[in-house]
């Protein structure tokens, strides 16, 4: 992956984290950022909804 592509993807993940209220992104690797984003999105799943019975 090119450096510019990684920078773009990293910035996108950081933006998504900031939109979810996670502001502590300094010094984290791309993999760590993606992991934090996955955890933040998982916490937002409404498990009481009939569409999310698998959770």
C-alpha atoms as a PDB file:
ATOM      1  CA  UNK A   1       0.000   0.000   0.000  1.00  0.00           C
ATOM      2  CA  UNK A   2       1.328   3.428  -0.873  1.00  0.00           C
ATOM      3  CA  UNK A   3       2.093   5.902   1.897  1.00  0.00           C
ATOM      4  CA  UNK A   4      -0.461   8.403   0.594  1.00  0.00           C
ATOM      5  CA  UNK A   5      -3.174   5.698   0.567  1.00  0.00           C
ATOM      6  CA  UNK A   6      -2.342   4.761   4.145  1.00  0.00           C
ATOM      7  CA  UNK A   7      -2.407   8.403   5.211  1.00  0.00           C
ATOM      8  CA  UNK A   8      -5.812   8.828   3.582  1.00  0.00           C
ATOM      9  CA  UNK A   9      -7.184   5.707   5.248  1.00  0.00           C
ATOM     10  CA  UNK A  10      -5.697   6.664   8.618  1.00  0.00           C
ATOM     11  CA  UNK A  11      -7.220  10.136   8.415  1.00  0.00           C
ATOM     12  CA  UNK A  12     -10.582   8.611   7.504  1.00  0.00           C
ATOM     13  CA  UNK A  13     -10.496   6.236  10.495  1.00  0.00           C
ATOM     14  CA  UNK A  14      -9.493   9.111  12.816  1.00  0.00           C
ATOM     15  CA  UNK A  15     -12.368  11.202  11.462  1.00  0.00           C
ATOM     16  CA  UNK A  16     -14.805   8.352  12.095  1.00  0.00           C
ATOM     17  CA  UNK A  17     -13.497   7.968  15.650  1.00  0.00           C
ATOM     18  CA  UNK A  18     -13.847  11.686  16.302  1.00  0.00           C
ATOM     19  CA  UNK A  19     -17.434  11.552  15.026  1.00  0.00           C
ATOM     20  CA  UNK A  20     -18.124   8.817  17.580  1.00  0.00           C
ATOM     21  CA  UNK A  21     -16.611  10.923  20.374  1.00  0.00           C
ATOM     22  CA  UNK A  22     -13.248   9.160  20.644  1.00  0.00           C
ATOM     23  CA  UNK A  23     -10.640  11.943  20.687  1.00  0.00           C
ATOM     24  CA  UNK A  24      -7.478  10.202  21.969  1.00  0.00           C
ATOM     25  CA  UNK A  25      -5.976   9.153  18.626  1.00  0.00           C
ATOM     26  CA  UNK A  26      -2.457  10.606  18.891  1.00  0.00           C
ATOM     27  CA  UNK A  27       0.361   8.107  18.522  1.00  0.00           C
ATOM     28  CA  UNK A  28      -1.836   5.135  17.622  1.00  0.00           C
ATOM     29  CA  UNK A  29      -0.961   2.933  14.662  1.00  0.00           C
ATOM     30  CA  UNK A  30      -3.419   2.348  11.831  1.00  0.00           C
ATOM     31  CA  UNK A  31      -4.178  -1.123  13.198  1.00  0.00           C
ATOM     32  CA  UNK A  32      -4.854   0.270  16.678  1.00  0.00           C
ATOM     33  CA  UNK A  33      -7.126   2.956  15.235  1.00  0.00           C
ATOM     34  CA  UNK A  34      -9.114   0.389  13.257  1.00  0.00           C
ATOM     35  CA  UNK A  35      -9.452  -1.755  16.373  1.00  0.00           C
ATOM     36  CA  UNK A  36     -10.723   1.227  18.404  1.00  0.00           C
ATOM     37  CA  UNK A  37     -13.198   2.057  15.624  1.00  0.00           C
ATOM     38  CA  UNK A  38     -14.499  -1.517  15.532  1.00  0.00           C
ATOM     39  CA  UNK A  39     -14.989  -1.520  19.305  1.00  0.00           C
ATOM     40  CA  UNK A  40     -16.712   1.886  19.243  1.00  0.00           C
ATOM     41  CA  UNK A  41     -19.101   0.736  16.524  1.00  0.00           C
ATOM     42  CA  UNK A  42     -19.831  -2.543  18.307  1.00  0.00           C
ATOM     43  CA  UNK A  43     -20.817  -0.691  21.465  1.00  0.00           C
ATOM     44  CA  UNK A  44     -23.381   1.287  19.483  1.00  0.00           C
ATOM     45  CA  UNK A  45     -25.294  -1.818  18.311  1.00  0.00           C
ATOM     46  CA  UNK A  46     -28.817  -1.877  19.746  1.00  0.00           C
ATOM     47  CA  UNK A  47     -29.135  -5.488  20.874  1.00  0.00           C
ATOM     48  CA  UNK A  48     -32.801  -5.056  21.733  1.00  0.00           C
ATOM     49  CA  UNK A  49     -33.689  -4.498  18.086  1.00  0.00           C
ATOM     50  CA  UNK A  50     -35.139  -7.542  16.330  1.00  0.00           C
ATOM     51  CA  UNK A  51     -32.751  -6.920  13.428  1.00  0.00           C
ATOM     52  CA  UNK A  52     -29.768  -7.464  15.719  1.00  0.00           C
ATOM     53  CA  UNK A  53     -30.771 -10.743  17.378  1.00  0.00           C
ATOM     54  CA  UNK A  54     -27.422 -12.297  16.414  1.00  0.00           C
ATOM     55  CA  UNK A  55     -25.686 -10.055  18.954  1.00  0.00           C
END
